[in-house]
Amino acid sequence: MPLFAANQIIGEGPTAVHLFEVPKAA
């Protein structure tokens, strides 16, 4: 996925964590 589409980004730079929301049904 393109990182800019993340629902939440924690931190900055190379070590930033990009979180994408997953349906609980998945």
PDB file of all heavy atoms in Angstrom:
ATOM      1  N   MET A   1       0.849  -1.193   0.000  1.00  0.00           N
ATOM      2  CA  MET A   1       0.000   0.000   0.000  1.00  0.00           C
ATOM      3  C   MET A   1       0.884   1.241   0.000  1.00  0.00           C
ATOM      4  O   MET A   1       1.989   1.235   0.559  1.00  0.00           O
ATOM      5  CB  MET A   1      -0.891   0.022   1.245  1.00  0.00           C
ATOM      6  CG  MET A   1      -1.933  -1.086   1.309  1.00  0.00           C
ATOM      7  SD  MET A   1      -3.343  -0.802   0.212  1.00  0.00           S
ATOM      8  CE  MET A   1      -4.224   0.475   1.129  1.00  0.00           C
ATOM      9  N   PRO A   2       0.415   2.341  -0.604  1.00  0.00           N
ATOM     10  CA  PRO A   2       1.162   3.596  -0.466  1.00  0.00           C
ATOM     11  C   PRO A   2       1.121   4.052   0.983  1.00  0.00           C
ATOM     12  O   PRO A   2       0.056   4.071   1.612  1.00  0.00           O
ATOM     13  CB  PRO A   2       0.416   4.559  -1.405  1.00  0.00           C
ATOM     14  CG  PRO A   2      -0.916   3.945  -1.637  1.00  0.00           C
ATOM     15  CD  PRO A   2      -0.762   2.470  -1.477  1.00  0.00           C
ATOM     16  N   LEU A   3       2.260   4.400   1.524  1.00  0.00           N
ATOM     17  CA  LEU A   3       2.338   4.758   2.940  1.00  0.00           C
ATOM     18  C   LEU A   3       1.500   5.987   3.277  1.00  0.00           C
ATOM     19  O   LEU A   3       1.000   6.113   4.398  1.00  0.00           O
ATOM     20  CB  LEU A   3       3.795   4.987   3.340  1.00  0.00           C
ATOM     21  CG  LEU A   3       4.666   3.723   3.422  1.00  0.00           C
ATOM     22  CD1 LEU A   3       6.111   4.097   3.692  1.00  0.00           C
ATOM     23  CD2 LEU A   3       4.152   2.773   4.496  1.00  0.00           C
ATOM     24  N   PHE A   4       1.311   6.877   2.310  1.00  0.00           N
ATOM     25  CA  PHE A   4       0.535   8.081   2.609  1.00  0.00           C
ATOM     26  C   PHE A   4      -0.932   7.756   2.902  1.00  0.00           C
ATOM     27  O   PHE A   4      -1.656   8.579   3.464  1.00  0.00           O
ATOM     28  CB  PHE A   4       0.627   9.092   1.458  1.00  0.00           C
ATOM     29  CG  PHE A   4      -0.059   8.653   0.183  1.00  0.00           C
ATOM     30  CD1 PHE A   4      -1.445   8.744   0.044  1.00  0.00           C
ATOM     31  CD2 PHE A   4       0.680   8.161  -0.880  1.00  0.00           C
ATOM     32  CE1 PHE A   4      -2.077   8.352  -1.129  1.00  0.00           C
ATOM     33  CE2 PHE A   4       0.049   7.749  -2.050  1.00  0.00           C
ATOM     34  CZ  PHE A   4      -1.330   7.849  -2.165  1.00  0.00           C
ATOM     35  N   ALA A   5      -1.371   6.541   2.531  1.00  0.00           N
ATOM     36  CA  ALA A   5      -2.767   6.153   2.740  1.00  0.00           C
ATOM     37  C   ALA A   5      -3.007   5.589   4.138  1.00  0.00           C
ATOM     38  O   ALA A   5      -4.131   5.182   4.461  1.00  0.00           O
ATOM     39  CB  ALA A   5      -3.189   5.132   1.694  1.00  0.00           C
ATOM     40  N   ALA A   6      -1.981   5.541   4.981  1.00  0.00           N
ATOM     41  CA  ALA A   6      -2.125   4.982   6.327  1.00  0.00           C
ATOM     42  C   ALA A   6      -3.166   5.749   7.124  1.00  0.00           C
ATOM     43  O   ALA A   6      -3.308   6.968   6.996  1.00  0.00           O
ATOM     44  CB  ALA A   6      -0.782   5.002   7.052  1.00  0.00           C
ATOM     45  N   ASN A   7      -3.900   5.035   7.971  1.00  0.00           N
ATOM     46  CA  ASN A   7      -4.889   5.671   8.840  1.00  0.00           C
ATOM     47  C   ASN A   7      -4.229   6.397  10.006  1.00  0.00           C
ATOM     48  O   ASN A   7      -4.793   7.351  10.551  1.00  0.00           O
ATOM     49  CB  ASN A   7      -5.863   4.637   9.388  1.00  0.00           C
ATOM     50  CG  ASN A   7      -6.650   3.942   8.293  1.00  0.00           C
ATOM     51  OD1 ASN A   7      -6.345   2.816   7.922  1.00  0.00           O
ATOM     52  ND2 ASN A   7      -7.650   4.616   7.765  1.00  0.00           N
ATOM     53  N   GLN A   8      -3.042   5.934  10.389  1.00  0.00           N
ATOM     54  CA  GLN A   8      -2.312   6.575  11.488  1.00  0.00           C
ATOM     55  C   GLN A   8      -0.824   6.437  11.253  1.00  0.00           C
ATOM     56  O   GLN A   8      -0.347   5.373  10.851  1.00  0.00           O
ATOM     57  CB  GLN A   8      -2.696   5.936  12.824  1.00  0.00           C
ATOM     58  CG  GLN A   8      -2.030   6.587  14.031  1.00  0.00           C
ATOM     59  CD  GLN A   8      -2.394   5.907  15.334  1.00  0.00           C
ATOM     60  OE1 GLN A   8      -3.044   4.865  15.334  1.00  0.00           O
ATOM     61  NE2 GLN A   8      -1.972   6.471  16.460  1.00  0.00           N
ATOM     62  N   ILE A   9      -0.086   7.509  11.488  1.00  0.00           N
ATOM     63  CA  ILE A   9       1.370   7.495  11.368  1.00  0.00           C
ATOM     64  C   ILE A   9       1.961   7.903  12.709  1.00  0.00           C
ATOM     65  O   ILE A   9       1.653   8.973  13.239  1.00  0.00           O
ATOM     66  CB  ILE A   9       1.861   8.450  10.259  1.00  0.00           C
ATOM     67  CG1 ILE A   9       1.250   8.052   8.913  1.00  0.00           C
ATOM     68  CG2 ILE A   9       3.394   8.432  10.177  1.00  0.00           C
ATOM     69  CD1 ILE A   9       1.590   9.009   7.779  1.00  0.00           C
ATOM     70  N   ILE A  10       2.779   7.026  13.265  1.00  0.00           N
ATOM     71  CA  ILE A  10       3.409   7.282  14.556  1.00  0.00           C
ATOM     72  C   ILE A  10       4.893   7.535  14.324  1.00  0.00           C
ATOM     73  O   ILE A  10       5.608   6.686  13.784  1.00  0.00           O
ATOM     74  CB  ILE A  10       3.222   6.093  15.506  1.00  0.00           C
ATOM     75  CG1 ILE A  10       1.724   5.809  15.709  1.00  0.00           C
ATOM     76  CG2 ILE A  10       3.899   6.358  16.846  1.00  0.00           C
ATOM     77  CD1 ILE A  10       1.457   4.552  16.495  1.00  0.00           C
ATOM     78  N   GLY A  11       5.383   8.684  14.737  1.00  0.00           N
ATOM     79  CA  GLY A  11       6.786   9.013  14.542  1.00  0.00           C
ATOM     80  C   GLY A  11       7.032   9.675  13.198  1.00  0.00           C
ATOM     81  O   GLY A  11       6.111   9.950  12.424  1.00  0.00           O
ATOM     82  N   GLU A  12       8.298   9.896  12.914  1.00  0.00           N
ATOM     83  CA  GLU A  12       8.698  10.560  11.678  1.00  0.00           C
ATOM     84  C   GLU A  12       9.921   9.866  11.090  1.00  0.00           C
ATOM     85  O   GLU A  12      10.623   9.109  11.771  1.00  0.00           O
ATOM     86  CB  GLU A  12       9.024  12.041  11.938  1.00  0.00           C
ATOM     87  CG  GLU A  12       7.853  12.861  12.443  1.00  0.00           C
ATOM     88  CD  GLU A  12       8.229  14.309  12.689  1.00  0.00           C
ATOM     89  OE1 GLU A  12       9.430  14.641  12.558  1.00  0.00           O
ATOM     90  OE2 GLU A  12       7.339  15.109  13.011  1.00  0.00           O
ATOM     91  N   GLY A  13      10.177  10.156   9.836  1.00  0.00           N
ATOM     92  CA  GLY A  13      11.385   9.663   9.188  1.00  0.00           C
ATOM     93  C   GLY A  13      11.344   8.176   8.912  1.00  0.00           C
ATOM     94  O   GLY A  13      10.277   7.548   8.874  1.00  0.00           O
ATOM     95  N   PRO A  14      12.527   7.571   8.727  1.00  0.00           N
ATOM     96  CA  PRO A  14      12.618   6.160   8.330  1.00  0.00           C
ATOM     97  C   PRO A  14      11.989   5.186   9.310  1.00  0.00           C
ATOM     98  O   PRO A  14      11.576   4.097   8.929  1.00  0.00           O
ATOM     99  CB  PRO A  14      14.134   5.932   8.223  1.00  0.00           C
ATOM    100  CG  PRO A  14      14.736   7.279   8.058  1.00  0.00           C
ATOM    101  CD  PRO A  14      13.851   8.208   8.825  1.00  0.00           C
ATOM    102  N   THR A  15      11.924   5.562  10.599  1.00  0.00           N
ATOM    103  CA  THR A  15      11.405   4.625  11.599  1.00  0.00           C
ATOM    104  C   THR A  15       9.918   4.846  11.893  1.00  0.00           C
ATOM    105  O   THR A  15       9.369   4.216  12.796  1.00  0.00           O
ATOM    106  CB  THR A  15      12.199   4.751  12.908  1.00  0.00           C
ATOM    107  OG1 THR A  15      12.088   6.096  13.400  1.00  0.00           O
ATOM    108  CG2 THR A  15      13.669   4.412  12.681  1.00  0.00           C
ATOM    109  N   ALA A  16       9.267   5.715  11.153  1.00  0.00           N
ATOM    110  CA  ALA A  16       7.844   5.971  11.378  1.00  0.00           C
ATOM    111  C   ALA A  16       7.032   4.693  11.188  1.00  0.00           C
ATOM    112  O   ALA A  16       7.339   3.860  10.334  1.00  0.00           O
ATOM    113  CB  ALA A  16       7.347   7.062  10.436  1.00  0.00           C
ATOM    114  N   VAL A  17       5.993   4.543  12.001  1.00  0.00           N
ATOM    115  CA  VAL A  17       5.114   3.375  11.929  1.00  0.00           C
ATOM    116  C   VAL A  17       3.823   3.784  11.232  1.00  0.00           C
ATOM    117  O   VAL A  17       3.139   4.720  11.667  1.00  0.00           O
ATOM    118  CB  VAL A  17       4.811   2.821  13.332  1.00  0.00           C
ATOM    119  CG1 VAL A  17       3.796   1.683  13.250  1.00  0.00           C
ATOM    120  CG2 VAL A  17       6.105   2.356  13.990  1.00  0.00           C
ATOM    121  N   HIS A  18       3.482   3.079  10.144  1.00  0.00           N
ATOM    122  CA  HIS A  18       2.286   3.379   9.361  1.00  0.00           C
ATOM    123  C   HIS A  18       1.253   2.287   9.608  1.00  0.00           C
ATOM    124  O   HIS A  18       1.475   1.125   9.258  1.00  0.00           O
ATOM    125  CB  HIS A  18       2.626   3.472   7.884  1.00  0.00           C
ATOM    126  CG  HIS A  18       3.562   4.592   7.534  1.00  0.00           C
ATOM    127  ND1 HIS A  18       4.916   4.531   7.790  1.00  0.00           N
ATOM    128  CD2 HIS A  18       3.325   5.807   6.980  1.00  0.00           C
ATOM    129  CE1 HIS A  18       5.480   5.665   7.390  1.00  0.00           C
ATOM    130  NE2 HIS A  18       4.548   6.453   6.898  1.00  0.00           N
ATOM    131  N   LEU A  19       0.150   2.673  10.229  1.00  0.00           N
ATOM    132  CA  LEU A  19      -0.892   1.719  10.610  1.00  0.00           C
ATOM    133  C   LEU A  19      -2.107   1.854   9.693  1.00  0.00           C
ATOM    134  O   LEU A  19      -2.578   2.971   9.420  1.00  0.00           O
ATOM    135  CB  LEU A  19      -1.313   1.947  12.057  1.00  0.00           C
ATOM    136  CG  LEU A  19      -0.218   1.737  13.117  1.00  0.00           C
ATOM    137  CD1 LEU A  19      -0.748   2.097  14.499  1.00  0.00           C
ATOM    138  CD2 LEU A  19       0.295   0.306  13.094  1.00  0.00           C
ATOM    139  N   PHE A  20      -2.605   0.700   9.254  1.00  0.00           N
ATOM    140  CA  PHE A  20      -3.791   0.648   8.402  1.00  0.00           C
ATOM    141  C   PHE A  20      -4.895  -0.097   9.150  1.00  0.00           C
ATOM    142  O   PHE A  20      -4.661  -1.153   9.734  1.00  0.00           O
ATOM    143  CB  PHE A  20      -3.468  -0.068   7.089  1.00  0.00           C
ATOM    144  CG  PHE A  20      -2.592   0.724   6.164  1.00  0.00           C
ATOM    145  CD1 PHE A  20      -1.229   0.880   6.429  1.00  0.00           C
ATOM    146  CD2 PHE A  20      -3.113   1.328   5.031  1.00  0.00           C
ATOM    147  CE1 PHE A  20      -0.415   1.612   5.579  1.00  0.00           C
ATOM    148  CE2 PHE A  20      -2.308   2.061   4.167  1.00  0.00           C
ATOM    149  CZ  PHE A  20      -0.955   2.201   4.441  1.00  0.00           C
ATOM    150  N   GLU A  21      -6.088   0.454   9.114  1.00  0.00           N
ATOM    151  CA  GLU A  21      -7.213  -0.146   9.825  1.00  0.00           C
ATOM    152  C   GLU A  21      -7.692  -1.406   9.109  1.00  0.00           C
ATOM    153  O   GLU A  21      -7.955  -1.392   7.905  1.00  0.00           O
ATOM    154  CB  GLU A  21      -8.356   0.864   9.932  1.00  0.00           C
ATOM    155  CG  GLU A  21      -9.530   0.366  10.748  1.00  0.00           C
ATOM    156  CD  GLU A  21     -10.598   1.421  10.922  1.00  0.00           C
ATOM    157  OE1 GLU A  21     -10.270   2.624  10.763  1.00  0.00           O
ATOM    158  OE2 GLU A  21     -11.749   1.053  11.205  1.00  0.00           O
ATOM    159  N   VAL A  22      -7.796  -2.492   9.871  1.00  0.00           N
ATOM    160  CA  VAL A  22      -8.251  -3.774   9.344  1.00  0.00           C
ATOM    161  C   VAL A  22      -9.633  -4.079   9.906  1.00  0.00           C
ATOM    162  O   VAL A  22      -9.821  -4.007  11.136  1.00  0.00           O
ATOM    163  CB  VAL A  22      -7.279  -4.913   9.732  1.00  0.00           C
ATOM    164  CG1 VAL A  22      -7.749  -6.239   9.155  1.00  0.00           C
ATOM    165  CG2 VAL A  22      -5.881  -4.608   9.257  1.00  0.00           C
ATOM    166  N   PRO A  23     -10.616  -4.412   9.088  1.00  0.00           N
ATOM    167  CA  PRO A  23     -11.932  -4.773   9.640  1.00  0.00           C
ATOM    168  C   PRO A  23     -11.808  -5.969  10.584  1.00  0.00           C
ATOM    169  O   PRO A  23     -11.068  -6.916  10.303  1.00  0.00           O
ATOM    170  CB  PRO A  23     -12.746  -5.136   8.388  1.00  0.00           C
ATOM    171  CG  PRO A  23     -12.023  -4.504   7.248  1.00  0.00           C
ATOM    172  CD  PRO A  23     -10.582  -4.483   7.622  1.00  0.00           C
ATOM    173  N   LYS A  24     -12.516  -5.922  11.689  1.00  0.00           N
ATOM    174  CA  LYS A  24     -12.451  -7.033  12.627  1.00  0.00           C
ATOM    175  C   LYS A  24     -12.934  -8.328  11.993  1.00  0.00           C
ATOM    176  O   LYS A  24     -12.501  -9.428  12.370  1.00  0.00           O
ATOM    177  CB  LYS A  24     -13.257  -6.705  13.881  1.00  0.00           C
ATOM    178  CG  LYS A  24     -12.622  -5.589  14.713  1.00  0.00           C
ATOM    179  CD  LYS A  24     -13.426  -5.304  15.975  1.00  0.00           C
ATOM    180  CE  LYS A  24     -12.742  -4.209  16.795  1.00  0.00           C
ATOM    181  NZ  LYS A  24     -13.503  -3.876  18.018  1.00  0.00           N
ATOM    182  N   ALA A  25     -13.818  -8.199  11.012  1.00  0.00           N
ATOM    183  CA  ALA A  25     -14.316  -9.390  10.323  1.00  0.00           C
ATOM    184  C   ALA A  25     -13.222 -10.090   9.534  1.00  0.00           C
ATOM    185  O   ALA A  25     -13.356 -11.267   9.184  1.00  0.00           O
ATOM    186  CB  ALA A  25     -15.466  -9.009   9.395  1.00  0.00           C
ATOM    187  N   ALA A  26     -12.124  -9.371   9.242  1.00  0.00           N
ATOM    188  CA  ALA A  26     -11.025  -9.964   8.481  1.00  0.00           C
ATOM    189  C   ALA A  26     -10.127 -10.832   9.345  1.00  0.00           C
ATOM    190  O   ALA A  26      -9.267 -11.543   8.836  1.00  0.00           O
ATOM    191  CB  ALA A  26     -10.195  -8.878   7.806  1.00  0.00           C
TER     192      ALA A  26
END
